Protein backbone atom coordinates (compact mmCIF):
# COMPACT_ATOMS: atom_id res chain seq x y z
CA MET A 1 -47.55 30.93 -13.22
CA LEU A 2 -43.88 30.54 -14.18
CA ILE A 3 -42.80 31.85 -10.78
CA LEU A 4 -45.03 29.31 -9.03
CA ALA A 5 -43.58 26.47 -11.12
CA LEU A 6 -40.04 27.61 -10.29
CA LEU A 7 -40.82 27.85 -6.56
CA LEU A 8 -42.40 24.41 -6.48
CA GLY A 9 -39.54 22.91 -8.44
CA SER A 10 -36.96 24.30 -6.02
CA ALA A 11 -38.93 23.11 -2.97
CA VAL A 12 -38.61 19.44 -3.92
CA PRO A 13 -35.45 17.99 -2.36
CA THR A 14 -33.05 16.15 -4.60
CA VAL A 15 -32.34 12.62 -3.38
CA ALA A 16 -30.06 11.36 -6.13
CA ASN A 17 -27.75 13.20 -8.47
CA ALA A 18 -26.40 11.75 -11.68
CA ALA A 19 -22.94 13.10 -12.30
CA GLN A 20 -20.08 12.94 -14.74
CA SER A 21 -17.53 12.97 -11.93
CA VAL A 22 -17.13 12.35 -8.22
CA ARG A 23 -14.37 13.36 -5.83
CA PHE A 24 -12.78 11.00 -3.32
CA GLY A 25 -10.64 13.25 -1.14
CA SER A 26 -8.38 15.10 -3.57
CA ALA A 27 -8.76 12.53 -6.38
CA LEU A 28 -11.36 12.82 -9.11
CA ILE A 29 -13.14 9.93 -10.85
CA VAL A 30 -14.84 10.73 -14.17
CA VAL A 31 -16.92 8.76 -16.67
CA GLY A 32 -14.43 6.91 -18.88
CA ASP A 33 -11.88 6.16 -16.11
CA THR A 34 -10.86 2.54 -15.61
CA GLU A 35 -12.13 0.26 -12.87
CA ALA A 36 -8.52 -0.06 -11.69
CA LYS A 37 -8.32 3.71 -11.14
CA VAL A 38 -11.62 3.71 -9.22
CA LEU A 39 -10.37 0.97 -6.90
CA ALA A 40 -6.97 2.66 -6.46
CA VAL A 41 -8.61 5.97 -5.57
CA ALA A 42 -11.72 4.85 -3.66
CA GLY A 43 -10.54 1.57 -2.18
CA LYS A 44 -12.67 -1.51 -1.68
CA PRO A 45 -16.38 -0.92 -2.38
CA ALA A 46 -18.94 -1.47 0.39
CA ALA A 47 -20.95 -3.54 -2.11
CA ARG A 48 -20.54 -4.91 -5.62
CA SER A 49 -23.36 -6.28 -7.76
CA ALA A 50 -23.70 -7.49 -11.31
CA ILE A 51 -25.51 -5.45 -13.94
CA LYS A 52 -27.46 -7.84 -16.16
CA ALA A 53 -29.43 -7.15 -19.33
CA THR A 54 -31.26 -10.44 -18.84
CA ARG A 55 -31.11 -13.11 -16.17
CA THR A 56 -27.96 -14.61 -17.63
CA GLN A 57 -26.34 -11.91 -19.77
CA TYR A 58 -23.69 -10.04 -17.74
CA GLN A 59 -23.36 -6.35 -18.63
CA GLY A 60 -20.97 -5.04 -15.98
CA SER A 61 -20.61 -4.21 -12.29
CA ARG A 62 -22.21 -1.69 -9.97
CA LEU A 63 -19.87 -0.55 -7.20
CA GLN A 64 -21.24 1.15 -4.10
CA PHE A 65 -19.06 3.29 -1.83
CA ILE A 66 -20.03 4.96 1.46
CA GLU A 67 -18.18 8.19 2.16
CA GLY A 68 -19.35 10.30 5.08
CA ASN A 69 -23.08 10.92 4.67
CA ARG A 70 -23.26 10.03 0.99
CA THR A 71 -23.54 6.84 -1.02
CA ILE A 72 -21.67 6.80 -4.32
CA ILE A 73 -22.70 4.33 -7.01
CA ILE A 74 -20.39 3.75 -9.96
CA ASP A 75 -21.35 1.54 -12.91
CA ILE A 76 -18.51 -0.25 -14.73
CA ARG A 77 -18.89 -1.76 -18.21
CA ASP A 78 -16.04 -3.19 -20.26
CA GLY A 79 -13.60 -2.07 -17.54
CA LYS A 80 -14.64 1.62 -17.76
CA VAL A 81 -16.84 3.92 -15.67
CA THR A 82 -20.12 4.48 -17.55
CA HIS A 83 -22.30 6.12 -14.89
CA ILE A 84 -21.83 7.88 -11.56
CA ASP A 85 -24.60 8.56 -9.07
CA HIS A 86 -24.55 9.84 -5.51
CA LYS A 87 -27.15 10.08 -2.78
CA ARG A 88 -27.16 11.90 0.54
């Protein structure tokens, strides 16, 4: 039964991967880096949206970058990277 569960689990493709870091060329962005570093390393984002806790309460920014065949999403709160996600 355990073998079957392992086989089924490995057969499901992963669409999104939460990460603690992401590489742009030879530069590395990690959770805790500043927004300024992200923009210096990755350049202008393809999209930027506000992260809101409620309709009016601003929590931060979500930056989206397209690099090759992957989409990289970086959440910024209080000027720092709080979450990194990438999709293929």
